[in-house]
Structures are given as C-alpha cells and as structure tokens.
Amino acid sequence: MPAFTVQRRYAAYRDGQQVGPWVEGDRIELEQADAEWVNRDSPGCLLAAAGIVEPEPEPERQKPGGPNRQQRPGRNRGGS
C-alpha cells in the first residue's frame, strides 16, 4: 500500500467504515482508491510520496453506440 502524509485534520465515514481520525503530519498507508476518495472529499488532504494524489482517468469508449435497431417508428406492432 502506498504511503501518504496528512496535510490537515480529517475524519469521515465511508460505507459504514470510519476513515481517520488523522492530524496534520501523520504518515498513513492507504489503498490508492481510498486515498483518491479522501482527496475528493477534502481536496489536498493527502500528499503521496511522489506528490498530490491524482485520480486515474476513466477509460473512454472505443466506439460510440449505434442506432437503436429495435426502434420502429410509425408501426403499430399490436395491430393486425
């Protein structure tokens, strides 16, 4: 797990689990996803050994979705 330095006091609950309490200057170890969550909740709260924690970019879709092939405008599917 990566190590982080706490930049200011912090305590919170996430999904029923307590995160913290930490005070300025504490050195902690957290999973990357948890550290990103803390920095979204309190920007700049945690400083990684290599600098500020940046969230990983979400992958982009490779191909845009096509048209809805099930859509049949102008037809009444219930009639005979």
C-alpha atoms as a PDB file:
ATOM      1  CA  MET A   1       0.000   0.000   0.000  1.00  0.00           C
ATOM      2  CA  PRO A   2       1.254   3.482  -0.812  1.00  0.00           C
ATOM      3  CA  ALA A   3       2.215   5.870   1.985  1.00  0.00           C
ATOM      4  CA  PHE A   4       0.696   9.344   2.367  1.00  0.00           C
ATOM      5  CA  THR A   5       1.270  12.374   4.560  1.00  0.00           C
ATOM      6  CA  VAL A   6      -1.816  14.060   6.042  1.00  0.00           C
ATOM      7  CA  GLN A   7      -1.888  17.808   5.325  1.00  0.00           C
ATOM      8  CA  ARG A   8      -4.736  18.728   7.745  1.00  0.00           C
ATOM      9  CA  ARG A   9      -7.078  17.158  10.297  1.00  0.00           C
ATOM     10  CA  TYR A  10      -9.516  14.693   8.774  1.00  0.00           C
ATOM     11  CA  ALA A  11     -12.107  12.136   9.868  1.00  0.00           C
ATOM     12  CA  ALA A  12     -15.100  10.695   7.984  1.00  0.00           C
ATOM     13  CA  TYR A  13     -17.279   7.641   7.483  1.00  0.00           C
ATOM     14  CA  ARG A  14     -17.340   5.783   4.174  1.00  0.00           C
ATOM     15  CA  ASP A  15     -19.756   2.907   3.628  1.00  0.00           C
ATOM     16  CA  GLY A  16     -20.101   2.472   7.398  1.00  0.00           C
ATOM     17  CA  GLN A  17     -16.320   2.365   7.949  1.00  0.00           C
ATOM     18  CA  GLN A  18     -14.505   5.106   9.820  1.00  0.00           C
ATOM     19  CA  VAL A  19     -11.710   6.821   7.888  1.00  0.00           C
ATOM     20  CA  GLY A  20      -9.276   8.593  10.207  1.00  0.00           C
ATOM     21  CA  PRO A  21      -9.131  10.489  12.509  1.00  0.00           C
ATOM     22  CA  TRP A  22      -5.811  11.887  11.390  1.00  0.00           C
ATOM     23  CA  VAL A  23      -3.976  15.057  12.317  1.00  0.00           C
ATOM     24  CA  GLU A  24      -1.578  17.141  10.269  1.00  0.00           C
ATOM     25  CA  GLY A  25       1.773  15.426   9.778  1.00  0.00           C
ATOM     26  CA  ASP A  26       0.560  11.828  10.295  1.00  0.00           C
ATOM     27  CA  ARG A  27       2.051   9.280   7.907  1.00  0.00           C
ATOM     28  CA  ILE A  28      -0.509   6.680   6.851  1.00  0.00           C
ATOM     29  CA  GLU A  29      -0.840   3.795   4.403  1.00  0.00           C
ATOM     30  CA  LEU A  30      -3.992   3.561   2.278  1.00  0.00           C
ATOM     31  CA  GLU A  31      -5.144   1.860  -0.882  1.00  0.00           C
ATOM     32  CA  GLN A  32      -4.973   4.192  -3.896  1.00  0.00           C
ATOM     33  CA  ALA A  33      -8.780   4.167  -4.348  1.00  0.00           C
ATOM     34  CA  ASP A  34      -9.326   5.145  -0.701  1.00  0.00           C
ATOM     35  CA  ALA A  35      -6.776   7.961  -0.952  1.00  0.00           C
ATOM     36  CA  GLU A  36      -8.497   9.284  -4.084  1.00  0.00           C
ATOM     37  CA  TRP A  37     -11.831   9.212  -2.230  1.00  0.00           C
ATOM     38  CA  VAL A  38     -10.374  11.181   0.706  1.00  0.00           C
ATOM     39  CA  ASN A  39      -8.926  13.791  -1.679  1.00  0.00           C
ATOM     40  CA  ARG A  40     -12.296  14.119  -3.454  1.00  0.00           C
ATOM     41  CA  ASP A  41     -13.957  14.625  -0.079  1.00  0.00           C
ATOM     42  CA  SER A  42     -11.282  17.046   1.158  1.00  0.00           C
ATOM     43  CA  PRO A  43      -9.093  18.241  -1.747  1.00  0.00           C
ATOM     44  CA  GLY A  44      -5.381  18.263  -0.949  1.00  0.00           C
ATOM     45  CA  CYS A  45      -5.765  16.436   2.365  1.00  0.00           C
ATOM     46  CA  LEU A  46      -3.346  13.630   1.477  1.00  0.00           C
ATOM     47  CA  LEU A  47       0.053  14.064  -0.100  1.00  0.00           C
ATOM     48  CA  ALA A  48       1.677  10.992  -1.651  1.00  0.00           C
ATOM     49  CA  ALA A  49       5.401  10.354  -1.549  1.00  0.00           C
ATOM     50  CA  ALA A  50       5.537  11.454  -5.208  1.00  0.00           C
ATOM     51  CA  GLY A  51       3.158  14.418  -4.827  1.00  0.00           C
ATOM     52  CA  ILE A  52      -0.592  15.047  -4.763  1.00  0.00           C
ATOM     53  CA  VAL A  53      -2.802  12.041  -5.487  1.00  0.00           C
ATOM     54  CA  GLU A  54      -4.438  12.330  -8.898  1.00  0.00           C
ATOM     55  CA  PRO A  55      -7.435  10.138  -9.730  1.00  0.00           C
ATOM     56  CA  GLU A  56      -6.948   7.705 -12.580  1.00  0.00           C
ATOM     57  CA  PRO A  57      -8.758   8.795 -15.750  1.00  0.00           C
ATOM     58  CA  GLU A  58     -11.786   6.750 -16.705  1.00  0.00           C
ATOM     59  CA  PRO A  59     -11.321   4.718 -19.870  1.00  0.00           C
ATOM     60  CA  GLU A  60     -13.070   6.129 -22.914  1.00  0.00           C
ATOM     61  CA  ARG A  61     -15.433   4.102 -25.045  1.00  0.00           C
ATOM     62  CA  GLN A  62     -13.715   2.716 -28.105  1.00  0.00           C
ATOM     63  CA  LYS A  63     -16.706   3.086 -30.382  1.00  0.00           C
ATOM     64  CA  PRO A  64     -19.826   5.209 -29.951  1.00  0.00           C
ATOM     65  CA  GLY A  65     -23.096   3.335 -29.583  1.00  0.00           C
ATOM     66  CA  GLY A  66     -25.033   2.698 -32.775  1.00  0.00           C
ATOM     67  CA  PRO A  67     -28.667   3.472 -33.507  1.00  0.00           C
ATOM     68  CA  ASN A  68     -31.409   1.613 -31.670  1.00  0.00           C
ATOM     69  CA  ARG A  69     -32.223  -1.227 -34.055  1.00  0.00           C
ATOM     70  CA  GLN A  70     -35.324  -2.164 -32.086  1.00  0.00           C
ATOM     71  CA  GLN A  71     -36.976   1.184 -32.701  1.00  0.00           C
ATOM     72  CA  ARG A  72     -39.622   1.044 -35.440  1.00  0.00           C
ATOM     73  CA  PRO A  73     -41.291   4.430 -35.708  1.00  0.00           C
ATOM     74  CA  GLY A  74     -44.630   4.576 -37.485  1.00  0.00           C
ATOM     75  CA  ARG A  75     -45.526   0.941 -36.982  1.00  0.00           C
ATOM     76  CA  ASN A  76     -48.171  -0.396 -34.697  1.00  0.00           C
ATOM     77  CA  ARG A  77     -46.886  -3.729 -33.524  1.00  0.00           C
ATOM     78  CA  GLY A  78     -50.119  -4.558 -31.706  1.00  0.00           C
ATOM     79  CA  GLY A  79     -52.482  -4.226 -34.671  1.00  0.00           C
ATOM     80  CA  SER A  80     -53.412  -6.866 -37.205  1.00  0.00           C
END
